């Protein structure tokens, strides 16, 4: 069955352009003039991936993203005409998985959509029956469940995949490029802030549990995960 993608943007030319490129790759695409229409349809029939413009009439893309994220871990890509740090922070705080600043390349957007689906497919088909442990955090890759001292940590798909990959390689410094390749599935040179913002969200969620797990920044390179014995 073809993957179902919802796209909301108040500019018809952009909706049509995205729809054309995605359908050419075999995806089933449904477009909406605003986020409210998309959200109403999503409540009836959830999509496999959502692409949202940030600035739209009615409910903005940030709020629609947050509403979807409260009930579903579907991958979400945000589109915006503004590329400020505040917008990036807001988008990832609301739970998006990736972020495109307009004007953007529809080819690169399509590549990222395919990469997202590919990594999710690989993760589900890999036989990983063993529970992973790092400090007081346990991960069940099969059930896609992460816990801190038996309390469930609510993570997006991307956050879960990144945490799993890091725990599998705990104690090792992992470069941003390696994360992009193995978690996001990007094979070409792309912006690296998606890794940094996802790491920030993971840190915050782990800190909320008072976890002993620490994600260390290796300046100019990447990150390393480990557990602090004193916690």
Protein backbone atom coordinates (compact mmCIF):
# COMPACT_ATOMS: atom_id res chain seq x y z
CA UNK A 1 0.00 0.00 0.00
CA UNK A 2 1.34 3.43 -0.96
CA UNK A 3 2.24 5.79 1.86
CA UNK A 4 -0.30 8.54 2.48
CA UNK A 5 1.09 12.07 2.82
CA UNK A 6 -0.86 15.17 3.85
CA UNK A 7 0.37 18.59 2.72
CA UNK A 8 -1.01 21.91 4.02
CA UNK A 9 0.07 25.22 2.47
CA UNK A 10 -1.98 28.30 1.63
CA UNK A 11 -0.08 28.75 -1.65
CA UNK A 12 -1.60 26.58 -4.38
CA UNK A 13 1.56 26.63 -6.51
CA UNK A 14 3.56 25.16 -3.64
CA UNK A 15 0.91 22.53 -2.88
CA UNK A 16 0.80 21.48 -6.52
CA UNK A 17 4.60 21.40 -6.79
CA UNK A 18 5.03 19.20 -3.71
CA UNK A 19 2.17 16.95 -4.78
CA UNK A 20 3.65 16.51 -8.26
CA UNK A 21 7.11 15.51 -7.02
CA UNK A 22 5.82 13.15 -4.32
CA UNK A 23 3.28 11.44 -6.58
CA UNK A 24 6.01 10.89 -9.15
CA UNK A 25 7.77 8.81 -6.47
CA UNK A 26 4.65 6.73 -5.93
CA UNK A 27 3.24 8.41 -2.82
CA UNK A 28 -0.46 9.03 -2.29
CA UNK A 29 -0.76 12.77 -1.61
CA UNK A 30 -3.66 14.84 -0.31
CA UNK A 31 -3.34 18.62 -0.12
CA UNK A 32 -5.12 21.20 2.03
CA UNK A 33 -5.43 24.98 1.89
CA UNK A 34 -4.86 25.35 5.63
CA UNK A 35 -3.92 23.44 8.73
CA UNK A 36 -7.45 23.22 10.12
CA UNK A 37 -8.64 21.24 7.10
CA UNK A 38 -5.63 18.93 7.36
CA UNK A 39 -6.16 18.39 11.09
CA UNK A 40 -9.85 17.57 10.61
CA UNK A 41 -8.97 14.99 7.94
CA UNK A 42 -6.12 13.58 10.05
CA UNK A 43 -8.53 12.94 12.92
CA UNK A 44 -10.64 10.79 10.57
CA UNK A 45 -7.82 9.17 8.59
CA UNK A 46 -4.26 9.55 9.92
CA UNK A 47 -1.56 9.99 7.28
CA UNK A 48 1.86 8.31 7.23
CA UNK A 49 3.66 11.67 7.00
CA UNK A 50 2.61 15.33 7.26
CA UNK A 51 4.10 18.43 5.61
CA UNK A 52 2.96 21.73 7.13
CA UNK A 53 3.51 25.34 6.18
CA UNK A 54 4.07 27.40 9.33
CA UNK A 55 2.28 30.61 8.31
CA UNK A 56 -1.27 29.81 7.16
CA UNK A 57 -4.71 31.35 7.64
CA UNK A 58 -6.44 29.97 10.72
CA UNK A 59 -4.38 27.68 12.95
CA UNK A 60 -0.66 28.04 12.25
CA UNK A 61 1.59 25.12 11.38
CA UNK A 62 3.29 25.08 14.79
CA UNK A 63 -0.05 24.57 16.55
CA UNK A 64 -1.22 21.93 14.06
CA UNK A 65 2.09 20.10 14.55
CA UNK A 66 1.62 20.18 18.32
CA UNK A 67 -1.98 18.90 18.04
CA UNK A 68 -0.94 15.99 15.83
CA UNK A 69 2.04 15.15 18.02
CA UNK A 70 -0.16 14.82 21.12
CA UNK A 71 -1.97 11.87 19.55
CA UNK A 72 0.38 10.42 16.93
CA UNK A 73 4.11 9.94 16.29
CA UNK A 74 3.79 10.38 12.51
CA UNK A 75 6.81 12.12 10.91
CA UNK A 76 6.17 15.87 10.48
CA UNK A 77 8.07 18.28 8.23
CA UNK A 78 7.57 22.03 8.66
CA UNK A 79 7.92 24.62 5.89
CA UNK A 80 8.53 28.29 6.66
CA UNK A 81 9.52 31.49 4.92
CA UNK A 82 11.49 32.45 8.02
CA UNK A 83 14.70 30.73 9.05
CA UNK A 84 15.27 32.34 12.44
CA UNK A 85 16.61 30.47 15.44
CA UNK A 86 13.32 31.15 17.23
CA UNK A 87 11.38 29.38 14.48
CA UNK A 88 13.70 26.39 14.54
CA UNK A 89 13.42 26.09 18.31
CA UNK A 90 9.63 26.45 18.23
CA UNK A 91 9.26 23.88 15.46
CA UNK A 92 11.31 21.21 17.17
CA UNK A 93 9.76 21.97 20.55
CA UNK A 94 6.34 21.34 19.01
CA UNK A 95 7.61 17.95 17.83
CA UNK A 96 8.50 18.27 14.16
CA UNK A 97 11.03 15.85 12.69
CA UNK A 98 12.54 18.18 10.11
CA UNK A 99 12.38 21.77 8.93
CA UNK A 100 12.63 23.42 5.49
CA UNK A 101 13.10 27.14 4.90
CA UNK A 102 11.45 28.62 1.79
CA UNK A 103 12.39 28.78 -0.99
CA UNK A 104 13.29 25.09 -0.93
CA UNK A 105 14.18 22.43 -3.46
CA UNK A 106 11.24 20.04 -4.08
CA UNK A 107 13.80 17.41 -5.05
CA UNK A 108 15.54 17.69 -1.66
CA UNK A 109 12.18 17.63 0.12
CA UNK A 110 11.24 14.48 -1.74
CA UNK A 111 14.60 12.90 -0.85
CA UNK A 112 14.06 13.63 2.81
CA UNK A 113 10.56 12.18 2.73
CA UNK A 114 11.94 8.99 1.17
CA UNK A 115 14.77 8.90 3.73
CA UNK A 116 12.30 9.17 6.60
CA UNK A 117 10.24 6.25 5.34
CA UNK A 118 13.35 4.20 4.57
CA UNK A 119 14.79 4.54 8.06
CA UNK A 120 11.47 3.67 9.69
CA UNK A 121 11.18 0.59 7.46
CA UNK A 122 14.73 -0.53 8.28
CA UNK A 123 14.16 -0.03 12.00
CA UNK A 124 10.97 -2.12 11.96
CA UNK A 125 12.44 -4.96 9.90
CA UNK A 126 15.71 -5.32 11.79
CA UNK A 127 15.68 -8.15 14.32
CA UNK A 128 16.58 -6.44 17.58
CA UNK A 129 15.04 -8.48 20.36
CA UNK A 130 17.49 -7.48 23.08
CA UNK A 131 16.65 -4.67 25.46
CA UNK A 132 19.27 -1.90 25.44
CA UNK A 133 20.42 -0.34 28.70
CA UNK A 134 22.28 2.87 29.49
CA UNK A 135 22.31 3.90 33.12
CA UNK A 136 18.70 4.06 34.31
CA UNK A 137 17.30 4.11 30.77
CA UNK A 138 16.07 0.96 29.02
CA UNK A 139 15.06 0.69 25.38
CA UNK A 140 12.93 -1.97 23.73
CA UNK A 141 13.69 -1.59 19.99
CA UNK A 142 10.96 -4.02 18.94
CA UNK A 143 8.20 -2.26 20.84
CA UNK A 144 9.79 1.16 20.28
CA UNK A 145 9.49 1.92 23.99
CA UNK A 146 12.00 3.84 26.10
CA UNK A 147 11.77 3.94 29.89
CA UNK A 148 13.60 5.66 32.72
CA UNK A 149 13.32 3.66 35.94
CA UNK A 150 10.23 1.91 34.52
CA UNK A 151 8.52 5.19 33.61
CA UNK A 152 7.69 5.64 29.94
CA UNK A 153 9.57 8.41 28.11
CA UNK A 154 7.36 9.90 25.41
CA UNK A 155 9.52 10.29 22.30
CA UNK A 156 8.87 11.05 18.64
CA UNK A 157 10.00 8.43 16.13
CA UNK A 158 13.10 10.45 15.33
CA UNK A 159 13.98 10.98 18.99
CA UNK A 160 13.55 7.27 19.67
CA UNK A 161 15.70 6.22 16.71
CA UNK A 162 18.42 8.68 17.66
CA UNK A 163 18.44 7.62 21.32
CA UNK A 164 18.54 3.96 20.28
CA UNK A 165 21.44 4.54 17.92
CA UNK A 166 23.40 6.45 20.54
CA UNK A 167 22.80 3.83 23.26
CA UNK A 168 23.91 1.12 20.83
CA UNK A 169 27.13 3.12 20.48
CA UNK A 170 27.38 4.42 24.05
CA UNK A 171 30.81 5.62 25.10
CA UNK A 172 31.70 6.39 21.49
CA UNK A 173 31.87 9.89 20.03
CA UNK A 174 29.39 9.99 17.13
CA UNK A 175 29.75 12.64 14.45
CA UNK A 176 26.82 14.68 13.17
CA UNK A 177 27.40 13.22 9.70
CA UNK A 178 27.17 9.70 11.09
CA UNK A 179 23.90 10.57 12.83
CA UNK A 180 22.46 12.08 9.67
CA UNK A 181 23.39 8.99 7.66
CA UNK A 182 22.26 6.34 10.14
CA UNK A 183 19.25 8.00 11.77
CA UNK A 184 17.86 10.42 9.21
CA UNK A 185 19.12 8.51 6.18
CA UNK A 186 20.64 11.56 4.49
CA UNK A 187 23.47 10.56 2.21
CA UNK A 188 24.32 14.03 0.94
CA UNK A 189 25.62 17.08 2.76
CA UNK A 190 22.71 18.74 4.55
CA UNK A 191 22.14 21.19 7.38
CA UNK A 192 23.33 19.77 10.70
CA UNK A 193 21.13 21.73 13.08
CA UNK A 194 18.44 19.04 12.90
CA UNK A 195 20.79 16.79 14.91
CA UNK A 196 21.55 19.51 17.46
CA UNK A 197 17.90 20.40 18.01
CA UNK A 198 16.89 16.74 18.39
CA UNK A 199 19.70 16.24 20.91
CA UNK A 200 18.44 19.25 22.89
CA UNK A 201 14.97 17.72 23.05
CA UNK A 202 16.36 14.37 24.19
CA UNK A 203 18.44 16.04 26.90
CA UNK A 204 15.43 17.96 28.16
CA UNK A 205 13.24 14.87 28.29
CA UNK A 206 15.90 12.82 30.08
CA UNK A 207 16.53 15.65 32.55
CA UNK A 208 12.80 15.81 33.30
CA UNK A 209 13.12 12.28 34.64
CA UNK A 210 16.29 13.08 36.57
CA UNK A 211 18.02 10.44 34.47
CA UNK A 212 21.62 9.41 35.02
CA UNK A 213 22.10 9.40 31.25
CA UNK A 214 24.20 12.26 29.94
CA UNK A 215 24.62 13.35 26.32
CA UNK A 216 27.96 15.12 25.99
CA UNK A 217 28.72 17.56 23.20
CA UNK A 218 32.02 16.93 21.42
CA UNK A 219 32.66 20.42 20.11
CA UNK A 220 33.15 20.63 16.36
CA UNK A 221 32.38 16.94 15.93
CA UNK A 222 29.24 15.48 17.47
CA UNK A 223 27.98 13.84 20.64
CA UNK A 224 28.61 10.98 23.08
CA UNK A 225 26.16 9.28 25.44
CA UNK A 226 26.93 7.71 28.79
CA UNK A 227 25.67 7.38 32.35
CA UNK A 228 26.73 9.34 35.42
CA UNK A 229 27.15 6.95 38.33
CA UNK A 230 26.43 9.60 40.91
CA UNK A 231 22.80 10.13 39.84
